[in-house]
Amino acid sequence: MTGTLYPFLRRDPLDLRASTEAKARESLELRRRVLGELSPALGVAAAAMAAAFRGGGRLFAFGNGGSSTDARSMAALFTGRGLPAVSLADDSALVTALGNDVGFDVVFARQIAALGGAGDIACALSTSGGSANVARGLAQAGDRRMVTVGFAGSGGGRMAADRLAEHLFVVPSASVHRIQEAQATLYHVLAELVSAEVAK
């Protein structure tokens, strides 16, 4: 059974090394490509976000699963730089209450409606760009005239199709792992750019 679940455990060590090196190269090449192509857009987003922070705005980050972990990491990056930011998936009691009582599709939209307003920032992360609750959270943020930032993979999913984010960063990959690695690079760079812009 172990061999079925984890076929790599039965491989030759040299095969494993080659596979690991190939994945590392693939990840590095994708991140370089994404940064090269999206650098101008990152600068534009950073300027908009910095203006929001200077005006007293707060950042609300959200996503599901691994993207929820990235949302928490993103919020920590900004808070560590003295910029107010929270992850909307962190309060398990609130998320499960909303999911149980109202519906999982609105767990982020309801929090945005209660906490967000014009001049705040919504940052949504999704490997597919198509998660219903993430899409509804962004739509709610747009309705409230917040700065909207989206991170998606593949073709951008609903984030791209419905134009839910003013600033959308699409990682051109179908691999969830590579998408999340590239997204982490993007939001780390974005945090540095915003911090530098706010300090001007």
N, C-alpha and C. Protein backbone atom coordinates (compact mmCIF):
# COMPACT_ATOMS: atom_id res chain seq x y z
N MET A 1 0.83 -1.21 0.00
CA MET A 1 0.00 0.00 0.00
C MET A 1 0.87 1.27 0.00
N THR A 2 1.95 1.24 0.75
CA THR A 2 2.82 2.41 0.81
C THR A 2 3.35 2.77 -0.56
N GLY A 3 3.71 1.74 -1.35
CA GLY A 3 4.22 1.98 -2.69
C GLY A 3 3.20 2.63 -3.59
N THR A 4 1.91 2.35 -3.35
CA THR A 4 0.85 2.96 -4.15
C THR A 4 0.66 4.42 -3.79
N LEU A 5 0.68 4.70 -2.50
CA LEU A 5 0.47 6.07 -2.04
C LEU A 5 1.69 6.95 -2.30
N TYR A 6 2.86 6.39 -2.11
CA TYR A 6 4.10 7.15 -2.24
C TYR A 6 5.07 6.40 -3.16
N PRO A 7 4.78 6.39 -4.46
CA PRO A 7 5.62 5.62 -5.38
C PRO A 7 7.08 6.04 -5.39
N PHE A 8 7.36 7.30 -5.01
CA PHE A 8 8.74 7.77 -5.03
C PHE A 8 9.62 7.05 -4.00
N LEU A 9 9.00 6.43 -2.98
CA LEU A 9 9.78 5.73 -1.96
C LEU A 9 10.47 4.49 -2.52
N ARG A 10 9.99 4.00 -3.66
CA ARG A 10 10.55 2.78 -4.24
C ARG A 10 11.53 3.10 -5.37
N ARG A 11 11.73 4.36 -5.65
CA ARG A 11 12.62 4.74 -6.74
C ARG A 11 14.09 4.63 -6.33
N ASP A 12 14.90 4.57 -7.34
CA ASP A 12 16.34 4.61 -7.14
C ASP A 12 16.72 6.00 -6.62
N PRO A 13 17.63 6.09 -5.65
CA PRO A 13 18.03 7.40 -5.10
C PRO A 13 18.49 8.39 -6.17
N LEU A 14 19.12 7.90 -7.22
CA LEU A 14 19.56 8.80 -8.29
C LEU A 14 18.37 9.38 -9.05
N ASP A 15 17.30 8.56 -9.21
CA ASP A 15 16.08 9.06 -9.85
C ASP A 15 15.43 10.15 -9.00
N LEU A 16 15.42 9.92 -7.69
CA LEU A 16 14.84 10.90 -6.78
C LEU A 16 15.61 12.21 -6.84
N ARG A 17 16.92 12.12 -6.87
CA ARG A 17 17.74 13.33 -6.94
C ARG A 17 17.46 14.08 -8.24
N ALA A 18 17.41 13.36 -9.34
CA ALA A 18 17.14 13.99 -10.64
C ALA A 18 15.77 14.65 -10.65
N SER A 19 14.78 13.96 -10.07
CA SER A 19 13.43 14.51 -10.01
C SER A 19 13.38 15.78 -9.17
N THR A 20 14.07 15.74 -8.02
CA THR A 20 14.11 16.91 -7.14
C THR A 20 14.78 18.09 -7.83
N GLU A 21 15.89 17.82 -8.50
CA GLU A 21 16.61 18.89 -9.20
C GLU A 21 15.77 19.47 -10.33
N ALA A 22 15.03 18.62 -11.03
CA ALA A 22 14.17 19.08 -12.13
C ALA A 22 13.06 19.98 -11.60
N LYS A 23 12.47 19.58 -10.47
CA LYS A 23 11.40 20.39 -9.88
C LYS A 23 11.93 21.74 -9.39
N ALA A 24 13.12 21.72 -8.81
CA ALA A 24 13.73 22.97 -8.34
C ALA A 24 14.00 23.91 -9.51
N ARG A 25 14.51 23.36 -10.62
CA ARG A 25 14.76 24.19 -11.80
C ARG A 25 13.46 24.75 -12.36
N GLU A 26 12.45 23.89 -12.42
CA GLU A 26 11.14 24.31 -12.93
C GLU A 26 10.57 25.45 -12.08
N SER A 27 10.67 25.29 -10.76
CA SER A 27 10.17 26.32 -9.85
C SER A 27 10.91 27.63 -10.02
N LEU A 28 12.23 27.56 -10.09
CA LEU A 28 13.04 28.76 -10.23
C LEU A 28 12.77 29.47 -11.56
N GLU A 29 12.68 28.69 -12.63
CA GLU A 29 12.42 29.28 -13.95
C GLU A 29 11.05 29.96 -13.99
N LEU A 30 10.05 29.32 -13.38
CA LEU A 30 8.71 29.91 -13.37
C LEU A 30 8.70 31.21 -12.58
N ARG A 31 9.34 31.22 -11.42
CA ARG A 31 9.36 32.43 -10.61
C ARG A 31 10.11 33.57 -11.30
N ARG A 32 11.20 33.24 -11.98
CA ARG A 32 11.91 34.27 -12.73
C ARG A 32 11.03 34.83 -13.85
N ARG A 33 10.36 33.93 -14.56
CA ARG A 33 9.48 34.36 -15.65
C ARG A 33 8.36 35.25 -15.14
N VAL A 34 7.72 34.82 -14.07
CA VAL A 34 6.59 35.57 -13.51
C VAL A 34 7.03 36.95 -13.04
N LEU A 35 8.15 37.01 -12.33
CA LEU A 35 8.64 38.31 -11.87
C LEU A 35 9.01 39.21 -13.04
N GLY A 36 9.61 38.64 -14.06
CA GLY A 36 9.96 39.43 -15.23
C GLY A 36 8.75 40.00 -15.94
N GLU A 37 7.71 39.18 -16.08
CA GLU A 37 6.52 39.61 -16.80
C GLU A 37 5.62 40.51 -15.97
N LEU A 38 5.59 40.29 -14.66
CA LEU A 38 4.63 41.01 -13.81
C LEU A 38 5.22 42.16 -13.00
N SER A 39 6.50 42.43 -13.16
CA SER A 39 7.12 43.51 -12.38
C SER A 39 6.41 44.86 -12.54
N PRO A 40 6.07 45.29 -13.77
CA PRO A 40 5.36 46.58 -13.89
C PRO A 40 4.03 46.58 -13.15
N ALA A 41 3.28 45.48 -13.26
CA ALA A 41 1.99 45.40 -12.58
C ALA A 41 2.15 45.38 -11.07
N LEU A 42 3.22 44.75 -10.58
CA LEU A 42 3.50 44.76 -9.15
C LEU A 42 3.74 46.18 -8.65
N GLY A 43 4.45 46.97 -9.45
CA GLY A 43 4.69 48.36 -9.08
C GLY A 43 3.42 49.17 -9.00
N VAL A 44 2.52 48.94 -9.94
CA VAL A 44 1.23 49.65 -9.94
C VAL A 44 0.41 49.26 -8.72
N ALA A 45 0.35 47.96 -8.44
CA ALA A 45 -0.40 47.49 -7.28
C ALA A 45 0.20 48.02 -5.98
N ALA A 46 1.52 48.02 -5.90
CA ALA A 46 2.19 48.51 -4.69
C ALA A 46 1.86 49.97 -4.43
N ALA A 47 1.81 50.77 -5.49
CA ALA A 47 1.48 52.19 -5.32
C ALA A 47 0.06 52.36 -4.81
N ALA A 48 -0.88 51.58 -5.35
CA ALA A 48 -2.28 51.67 -4.91
C ALA A 48 -2.43 51.21 -3.47
N MET A 49 -1.74 50.13 -3.12
CA MET A 49 -1.82 49.63 -1.75
C MET A 49 -1.16 50.58 -0.77
N ALA A 50 -0.04 51.16 -1.15
CA ALA A 50 0.65 52.11 -0.27
C ALA A 50 -0.23 53.33 -0.01
N ALA A 51 -0.92 53.79 -1.04
CA ALA A 51 -1.82 54.93 -0.87
C ALA A 51 -2.94 54.58 0.10
N ALA A 52 -3.44 53.35 0.00
CA ALA A 52 -4.50 52.91 0.92
C ALA A 52 -3.98 52.86 2.35
N PHE A 53 -2.80 52.30 2.55
CA PHE A 53 -2.23 52.24 3.90
C PHE A 53 -1.98 53.64 4.46
N ARG A 54 -1.48 54.54 3.63
CA ARG A 54 -1.23 55.91 4.10
C ARG A 54 -2.52 56.59 4.51
N GLY A 55 -3.62 56.18 3.90
CA GLY A 55 -4.92 56.76 4.23
C GLY A 55 -5.61 56.07 5.39
N GLY A 56 -4.92 55.16 6.05
CA GLY A 56 -5.50 54.46 7.20
C GLY A 56 -6.14 53.13 6.86
N GLY A 57 -5.93 52.65 5.65
CA GLY A 57 -6.54 51.39 5.23
C GLY A 57 -5.88 50.17 5.87
N ARG A 58 -6.62 49.07 5.84
CA ARG A 58 -6.14 47.79 6.36
C ARG A 58 -6.20 46.75 5.25
N LEU A 59 -5.38 45.72 5.37
CA LEU A 59 -5.35 44.65 4.38
C LEU A 59 -6.05 43.42 4.94
N PHE A 60 -6.94 42.84 4.13
CA PHE A 60 -7.62 41.60 4.48
C PHE A 60 -7.23 40.55 3.45
N ALA A 61 -6.53 39.50 3.89
CA ALA A 61 -6.07 38.44 2.99
C ALA A 61 -6.91 37.19 3.22
N PHE A 62 -7.18 36.45 2.14
CA PHE A 62 -7.99 35.24 2.31
C PHE A 62 -7.76 34.24 1.18
N GLY A 63 -8.03 32.98 1.50
CA GLY A 63 -7.89 31.88 0.56
C GLY A 63 -8.27 30.59 1.27
N ASN A 64 -8.28 29.49 0.53
CA ASN A 64 -8.66 28.18 1.08
C ASN A 64 -7.45 27.24 1.13
N GLY A 65 -7.43 26.36 2.12
CA GLY A 65 -6.39 25.34 2.18
C GLY A 65 -5.00 25.94 2.23
N GLY A 66 -4.14 25.49 1.30
CA GLY A 66 -2.78 26.03 1.24
C GLY A 66 -2.77 27.52 1.00
N SER A 67 -3.74 28.00 0.24
CA SER A 67 -3.84 29.44 -0.03
C SER A 67 -4.21 30.21 1.24
N SER A 68 -4.91 29.53 2.15
CA SER A 68 -5.22 30.14 3.45
C SER A 68 -3.93 30.34 4.25
N THR A 69 -3.04 29.36 4.16
CA THR A 69 -1.75 29.49 4.82
C THR A 69 -0.95 30.64 4.22
N ASP A 70 -1.02 30.78 2.89
CA ASP A 70 -0.35 31.90 2.24
C ASP A 70 -0.97 33.23 2.65
N ALA A 71 -2.29 33.25 2.83
CA ALA A 71 -2.96 34.48 3.28
C ALA A 71 -2.45 34.88 4.66
N ARG A 72 -2.28 33.89 5.52
CA ARG A 72 -1.75 34.17 6.86
C ARG A 72 -0.32 34.70 6.77
N SER A 73 0.48 34.08 5.91
CA SER A 73 1.87 34.51 5.72
C SER A 73 1.91 35.94 5.19
N MET A 74 1.04 36.24 4.24
CA MET A 74 0.99 37.58 3.67
C MET A 74 0.62 38.61 4.73
N ALA A 75 -0.40 38.30 5.53
CA ALA A 75 -0.81 39.22 6.59
C ALA A 75 0.34 39.46 7.57
N ALA A 76 1.07 38.40 7.89
CA ALA A 76 2.20 38.53 8.82
C ALA A 76 3.31 39.40 8.22
N LEU A 77 3.55 39.26 6.92
CA LEU A 77 4.57 40.08 6.26
C LEU A 77 4.26 41.57 6.40
N PHE A 78 3.01 41.93 6.15
CA PHE A 78 2.63 43.34 6.21
C PHE A 78 2.60 43.84 7.66
N THR A 79 2.04 43.04 8.55
CA THR A 79 1.98 43.45 9.95
C THR A 79 3.39 43.63 10.52
N GLY A 80 4.29 42.76 10.12
CA GLY A 80 5.68 42.86 10.56
C GLY A 80 6.35 44.14 10.10
N ARG A 81 5.82 44.75 9.05
CA ARG A 81 6.35 46.02 8.55
C ARG A 81 5.55 47.21 9.09
N GLY A 82 4.71 46.94 10.07
CA GLY A 82 3.94 48.02 10.69
C GLY A 82 2.70 48.42 9.91
N LEU A 83 2.26 47.56 8.98
CA LEU A 83 1.08 47.86 8.18
C LEU A 83 -0.04 46.91 8.60
N PRO A 84 -1.22 47.44 8.96
CA PRO A 84 -2.29 46.60 9.51
C PRO A 84 -2.84 45.59 8.50
N ALA A 85 -2.77 44.32 8.87
CA ALA A 85 -3.23 43.26 7.97
C ALA A 85 -3.70 42.05 8.78
N VAL A 86 -4.76 41.41 8.30
CA VAL A 86 -5.28 40.20 8.95
C VAL A 86 -5.63 39.16 7.89
N SER A 87 -5.62 37.90 8.30
CA SER A 87 -6.07 36.81 7.44
C SER A 87 -7.48 36.43 7.86
N LEU A 88 -8.40 36.41 6.93
CA LEU A 88 -9.81 36.15 7.25
C LEU A 88 -10.11 34.68 7.52
N ALA A 89 -9.15 33.80 7.34
CA ALA A 89 -9.39 32.39 7.62
C ALA A 89 -8.85 31.98 8.99
N ASP A 90 -8.25 32.91 9.71
CA ASP A 90 -7.58 32.58 10.97
C ASP A 90 -8.54 32.25 12.11
N ASP A 91 -9.71 32.88 12.13
CA ASP A 91 -10.66 32.67 13.23
C ASP A 91 -11.53 31.46 12.90
N SER A 92 -11.13 30.28 13.37
CA SER A 92 -11.85 29.05 13.01
C SER A 92 -13.28 29.05 13.53
N ALA A 93 -13.51 29.67 14.69
CA ALA A 93 -14.88 29.72 15.22
C ALA A 93 -15.78 30.53 14.30
N LEU A 94 -15.29 31.67 13.85
CA LEU A 94 -16.08 32.51 12.95
C LEU A 94 -16.28 31.86 11.60
N VAL A 95 -15.22 31.30 11.03
CA VAL A 95 -15.32 30.67 9.71
C VAL A 95 -16.28 29.49 9.73
N THR A 96 -16.20 28.66 10.77
CA THR A 96 -17.09 27.50 10.84
C THR A 96 -18.52 27.91 11.17
N ALA A 97 -18.69 28.97 11.96
CA ALA A 97 -20.04 29.45 12.25
C ALA A 97 -20.71 29.96 10.98
N LEU A 98 -19.99 30.78 10.22
CA LEU A 98 -20.54 31.29 8.97
C LEU A 98 -20.79 30.15 7.99
N GLY A 99 -19.85 29.21 7.90
CA GLY A 99 -20.01 28.09 6.99
C GLY A 99 -21.22 27.25 7.35
N ASN A 100 -21.44 27.03 8.63
CA ASN A 100 -22.55 26.21 9.09
C ASN A 100 -23.89 26.93 9.01
N ASP A 101 -23.91 28.20 9.43
CA ASP A 101 -25.17 28.93 9.55
C ASP A 101 -25.61 29.61 8.26
N VAL A 102 -24.66 30.06 7.47
CA VAL A 102 -25.01 30.84 6.27
C VAL A 102 -24.59 30.13 4.99
N GLY A 103 -23.41 29.55 5.00
CA GLY A 103 -22.91 28.86 3.82
C GLY A 103 -21.44 29.17 3.61
N PHE A 104 -20.69 28.14 3.21
CA PHE A 104 -19.25 28.32 3.04
C PHE A 104 -18.91 29.31 1.94
N ASP A 105 -19.82 29.48 0.99
CA ASP A 105 -19.56 30.41 -0.12
C ASP A 105 -19.41 31.85 0.33
N VAL A 106 -19.91 32.17 1.53
CA VAL A 106 -19.89 33.58 1.96
C VAL A 106 -18.98 33.83 3.16
N VAL A 107 -18.12 32.86 3.52
CA VAL A 107 -17.31 33.05 4.72
C VAL A 107 -16.37 34.25 4.63
N PHE A 108 -15.95 34.60 3.44
CA PHE A 108 -15.07 35.77 3.29
C PHE A 108 -15.88 37.03 2.99
N ALA A 109 -16.91 36.90 2.18
CA ALA A 109 -17.74 38.06 1.83
C ALA A 109 -18.39 38.66 3.06
N ARG A 110 -18.88 37.82 3.97
CA ARG A 110 -19.52 38.33 5.19
C ARG A 110 -18.52 39.10 6.05
N GLN A 111 -17.30 38.61 6.14
CA GLN A 111 -16.29 39.31 6.94
C GLN A 111 -15.88 40.62 6.29
N ILE A 112 -15.76 40.61 4.97
CA ILE A 112 -15.45 41.85 4.25
C ILE A 112 -16.55 42.87 4.46
N ALA A 113 -17.81 42.42 4.41
CA ALA A 113 -18.94 43.32 4.60
C ALA A 113 -18.94 43.93 6.00
N ALA A 114 -18.54 43.13 6.99
CA ALA A 114 -18.55 43.60 8.38
C ALA A 114 -17.34 44.46 8.72
N LEU A 115 -16.20 44.14 8.13
CA LEU A 115 -14.95 44.79 8.56
C LEU A 115 -14.35 45.75 7.55
N GLY A 116 -14.61 45.54 6.27
CA GLY A 116 -13.95 46.31 5.23
C GLY A 116 -14.74 47.52 4.78
N GLY A 117 -14.04 48.44 4.17
CA GLY A 117 -14.67 49.64 3.64
C GLY A 117 -13.78 50.31 2.63
N ALA A 118 -14.28 51.38 2.05
CA ALA A 118 -13.50 52.13 1.06
C ALA A 118 -12.15 52.51 1.64
N GLY A 119 -11.10 52.28 0.87
CA GLY A 119 -9.76 52.60 1.33
C GLY A 119 -9.02 51.43 1.94
N ASP A 120 -9.73 50.31 2.17
CA ASP A 120 -9.08 49.10 2.65
C ASP A 120 -8.61 48.28 1.44
N ILE A 121 -7.93 47.19 1.71
CA ILE A 121 -7.36 46.34 0.65
C ILE A 121 -7.81 44.90 0.86
N ALA A 122 -8.24 44.25 -0.21
CA ALA A 122 -8.57 42.83 -0.18
C ALA A 122 -7.57 42.09 -1.06
N CYS A 123 -6.89 41.10 -0.49
CA CYS A 123 -5.94 40.28 -1.24
C CYS A 123 -6.41 38.83 -1.21
N ALA A 124 -6.78 38.32 -2.37
CA ALA A 124 -7.31 36.96 -2.48
C ALA A 124 -6.31 36.05 -3.16
N LEU A 125 -6.16 34.85 -2.61
CA LEU A 125 -5.23 33.87 -3.17
C LEU A 125 -5.98 32.58 -3.52
N SER A 126 -5.74 32.08 -4.72
CA SER A 126 -6.37 30.84 -5.17
C SER A 126 -5.51 30.24 -6.27
N THR A 127 -5.25 28.94 -6.21
CA THR A 127 -4.45 28.34 -7.28
C THR A 127 -5.25 28.23 -8.57
N SER A 128 -6.57 28.10 -8.45
CA SER A 128 -7.42 27.98 -9.64
C SER A 128 -8.01 29.31 -10.07
N GLY A 129 -8.17 30.22 -9.10
CA GLY A 129 -8.86 31.47 -9.38
C GLY A 129 -10.36 31.31 -9.43
N GLY A 130 -10.84 30.09 -9.13
CA GLY A 130 -12.27 29.83 -9.29
C GLY A 130 -13.03 29.49 -8.03
N SER A 131 -12.40 29.56 -6.87
CA SER A 131 -13.10 29.23 -5.62
C SER A 131 -14.26 30.20 -5.39
N ALA A 132 -15.44 29.64 -5.17
CA ALA A 132 -16.64 30.48 -5.05
C ALA A 132 -16.54 31.47 -3.90
N ASN A 133 -16.05 31.02 -2.74
CA ASN A 133 -16.00 31.94 -1.59
C ASN A 133 -14.96 33.03 -1.79
N VAL A 134 -13.88 32.70 -2.49
CA VAL A 134 -12.86 33.71 -2.78
C VAL A 134 -13.41 34.73 -3.77
N ALA A 135 -14.10 34.24 -4.80
CA ALA A 135 -14.70 35.13 -5.80
C ALA A 135 -15.72 36.06 -5.15
N ARG A 136 -16.54 35.52 -4.26
CA ARG A 136 -17.55 36.36 -3.61
C ARG A 136 -16.92 37.36 -2.65
N GLY A 137 -15.83 36.97 -2.02
CA GLY A 137 -15.11 37.90 -1.17
C GLY A 137 -14.56 39.07 -1.96
N LEU A 138 -13.98 38.79 -3.12
CA LEU A 138 -13.46 39.86 -3.98
C LEU A 138 -14.58 40.74 -4.51
N ALA A 139 -15.69 40.11 -4.90
CA ALA A 139 -16.82 40.89 -5.41
C ALA A 139 -17.35 41.84 -4.33
N GLN A 140 -17.44 41.35 -3.10
CA GLN A 140 -17.90 42.19 -1.99
C GLN A 140 -16.93 43.34 -1.76
N ALA A 141 -15.64 43.05 -1.84
CA ALA A 141 -14.62 44.09 -1.66
C ALA A 141 -14.75 45.15 -2.75
N GLY A 142 -14.99 44.72 -3.97
CA GLY A 142 -15.18 45.67 -5.07
C GLY A 142 -16.39 46.55 -4.84
N ASP A 143 -17.48 45.95 -4.36
CA ASP A 143 -18.70 46.71 -4.07
C ASP A 143 -18.45 47.76 -3.00
N ARG A 144 -17.54 47.48 -2.10
CA ARG A 144 -17.23 48.40 -1.00
C ARG A 144 -16.09 49.35 -1.34
N ARG A 145 -15.70 49.35 -2.62
CA ARG A 145 -14.68 50.27 -3.13
C ARG A 145 -13.33 50.09 -2.43
N MET A 146 -13.00 48.84 -2.16
CA MET A 146 -11.69 48.51 -1.62
C MET A 146 -10.72 48.28 -2.78
N VAL A 147 -9.44 48.41 -2.51
CA VAL A 147 -8.42 48.03 -3.48
C VAL A 147 -8.43 46.51 -3.54
N THR A 148 -8.57 45.93 -4.73
CA THR A 148 -8.67 44.48 -4.85
C THR A 148 -7.46 43.90 -5.57
N VAL A 149 -6.84 42.91 -4.93
CA VAL A 149 -5.64 42.26 -5.46
C VAL A 149 -5.89 40.76 -5.49
N GLY A 150 -5.64 40.13 -6.62
CA GLY A 150 -5.86 38.69 -6.74
C GLY A 150 -4.62 37.96 -7.20
N PHE A 151 -4.43 36.76 -6.66
CA PHE A 151 -3.35 35.87 -7.08
C PHE A 151 -3.99 34.57 -7.52
N ALA A 152 -3.78 34.19 -8.77
CA ALA A 152 -4.40 32.98 -9.30
C ALA A 152 -3.39 32.21 -10.14
N GLY A 153 -3.80 31.00 -10.55
CA GLY A 153 -2.95 30.19 -11.41
C GLY A 153 -3.65 29.88 -12.71
N SER A 154 -2.97 29.10 -13.53
CA SER A 154 -3.51 28.67 -14.82
C SER A 154 -3.98 29.87 -15.62
N GLY A 155 -5.26 29.91 -16.00
CA GLY A 155 -5.76 31.04 -16.79
C GLY A 155 -6.38 32.14 -15.95
N GLY A 156 -6.37 31.99 -14.64
CA GLY A 156 -6.93 33.02 -13.77
C GLY A 156 -8.33 32.73 -13.28
N GLY A 157 -9.00 31.73 -13.87
CA GLY A 157 -10.33 31.33 -13.41
C GLY A 157 -11.34 32.46 -13.37
N ARG A 158 -12.22 32.41 -12.38
CA ARG A 158 -13.26 33.44 -12.24
C ARG A 158 -12.69 34.81 -11.95
N MET A 159 -11.55 34.84 -11.26
CA MET A 159 -10.94 36.15 -10.97
C MET A 159 -10.71 36.90 -12.27
N ALA A 160 -10.21 36.19 -13.28
CA ALA A 160 -9.94 36.82 -14.57
C ALA A 160 -11.21 36.99 -15.39
N ALA A 161 -12.01 35.93 -15.48
CA ALA A 161 -13.21 35.95 -16.32
C ALA A 161 -14.20 37.03 -15.89
N ASP A 162 -14.37 37.18 -14.58
CA ASP A 162 -15.33 38.16 -14.05
C ASP A 162 -14.68 39.48 -13.66
N ARG A 163 -13.38 39.61 -13.93
CA ARG A 163 -12.63 40.84 -13.62
C ARG A 163 -12.86 41.29 -12.18
N LEU A 164 -12.62 40.37 -11.27
CA LEU A 164 -12.91 40.62 -9.86
C LEU A 164 -11.82 41.41 -9.14
N ALA A 165 -10.62 41.43 -9.71
CA ALA A 165 -9.51 42.13 -9.05
C ALA A 165 -8.94 43.21 -9.95
N GLU A 166 -8.77 44.40 -9.37
CA GLU A 166 -8.12 45.49 -10.13
C GLU A 166 -6.69 45.11 -10.48
N HIS A 167 -6.05 44.41 -9.57
CA HIS A 167 -4.66 44.02 -9.74
C HIS A 167 -4.61 42.49 -9.66
N LEU A 168 -4.49 41.84 -10.81
CA LEU A 168 -4.53 40.38 -10.85
C LEU A 168 -3.20 39.82 -11.33
N PHE A 169 -2.67 38.89 -10.56
CA PHE A 169 -1.40 38.25 -10.89
C PHE A 169 -1.63 36.76 -11.15
N VAL A 170 -1.55 36.39 -12.41
CA VAL A 170 -1.82 35.01 -12.81
C VAL A 170 -0.51 34.28 -13.08
N VAL A 171 -0.31 33.18 -12.38
CA VAL A 171 0.87 32.35 -12.58
C VAL A 171 0.56 31.33 -13.68
N PRO A 172 1.28 31.36 -14.79
CA PRO A 172 0.98 30.48 -15.92
C PRO A 172 1.47 29.05 -15.71
N SER A 173 0.77 28.32 -14.87
CA SER A 173 1.12 26.93 -14.60
C SER A 173 -0.13 26.17 -14.20
N ALA A 174 -0.14 24.87 -14.45
CA ALA A 174 -1.25 24.02 -14.03
C ALA A 174 -0.90 23.24 -12.76
N SER A 175 0.33 23.38 -12.28
CA SER A 175 0.78 22.67 -11.08
C SER A 175 0.48 23.50 -9.84
N VAL A 176 -0.31 22.93 -8.94
CA VAL A 176 -0.65 23.63 -7.69
C VAL A 176 0.62 24.00 -6.93
N HIS A 177 1.58 23.10 -6.89
CA HIS A 177 2.83 23.35 -6.15
C HIS A 177 3.59 24.54 -6.74
N ARG A 178 3.77 24.53 -8.05
CA ARG A 178 4.51 25.61 -8.70
C ARG A 178 3.76 26.93 -8.57
N ILE A 179 2.44 26.89 -8.68
CA ILE A 179 1.63 28.11 -8.55
C ILE A 179 1.84 28.73 -7.17
N GLN A 180 1.74 27.91 -6.13
CA GLN A 180 1.87 28.45 -4.78
C GLN A 180 3.28 28.97 -4.50
N GLU A 181 4.28 28.31 -5.05
CA GLU A 181 5.65 28.79 -4.88
C GLU A 181 5.83 30.16 -5.55
N ALA A 182 5.28 30.29 -6.75
CA ALA A 182 5.40 31.57 -7.47
C ALA A 182 4.58 32.66 -6.79
N GLN A 183 3.39 32.30 -6.30
CA GLN A 183 2.57 33.29 -5.61
C GLN A 183 3.27 33.80 -4.36
N ALA A 184 3.93 32.90 -3.64
CA ALA A 184 4.67 33.32 -2.43
C ALA A 184 5.76 34.32 -2.80
N THR A 185 6.45 34.06 -3.89
CA THR A 185 7.47 35.01 -4.36
C THR A 185 6.85 36.35 -4.68
N LEU A 186 5.71 36.32 -5.36
CA LEU A 186 5.04 37.57 -5.76
C LEU A 186 4.62 38.40 -4.55
N TYR A 187 3.98 37.75 -3.56
CA TYR A 187 3.50 38.58 -2.45
C TYR A 187 4.63 39.02 -1.52
N HIS A 188 5.74 38.28 -1.50
CA HIS A 188 6.91 38.77 -0.75
C HIS A 188 7.49 40.02 -1.41
N VAL A 189 7.61 39.98 -2.72
CA VAL A 189 8.11 41.16 -3.45
C VAL A 189 7.13 42.32 -3.28
N LEU A 190 5.84 42.03 -3.38
CA LEU A 190 4.83 43.08 -3.23
C LEU A 190 4.92 43.74 -1.86
N ALA A 191 5.10 42.94 -0.82
CA ALA A 191 5.23 43.50 0.54
C ALA A 191 6.43 44.43 0.64
N GLU A 192 7.54 44.04 0.02
CA GLU A 192 8.73 44.90 0.05
C GLU A 192 8.49 46.20 -0.70
N LEU A 193 7.83 46.10 -1.86
CA LEU A 193 7.55 47.30 -2.65
C LEU A 193 6.61 48.25 -1.92
N VAL A 194 5.57 47.69 -1.31
CA VAL A 194 4.61 48.52 -0.58
C VAL A 194 5.28 49.20 0.60
N SER A 195 6.07 48.45 1.34
CA SER A 195 6.77 49.00 2.50
C SER A 195 7.68 50.16 2.09
N ALA A 196 8.40 49.98 0.99
CA ALA A 196 9.29 51.04 0.51
C ALA A 196 8.49 52.26 0.05
N GLU A 197 7.35 52.01 -0.58
CA GLU A 197 6.51 53.11 -1.08
C GLU A 197 5.91 53.90 0.08
N VAL A 198 5.46 53.20 1.11
CA VAL A 198 4.88 53.87 2.28
C VAL A 198 5.92 54.73 2.98
N ALA A 199 7.16 54.27 2.98
CA ALA A 199 8.24 54.97 3.69
C ALA A 199 8.71 56.23 2.98
N LYS A 200 8.32 56.43 1.73
CA LYS A 200 8.78 57.61 0.97
C LYS A 200 8.26 58.90 1.59
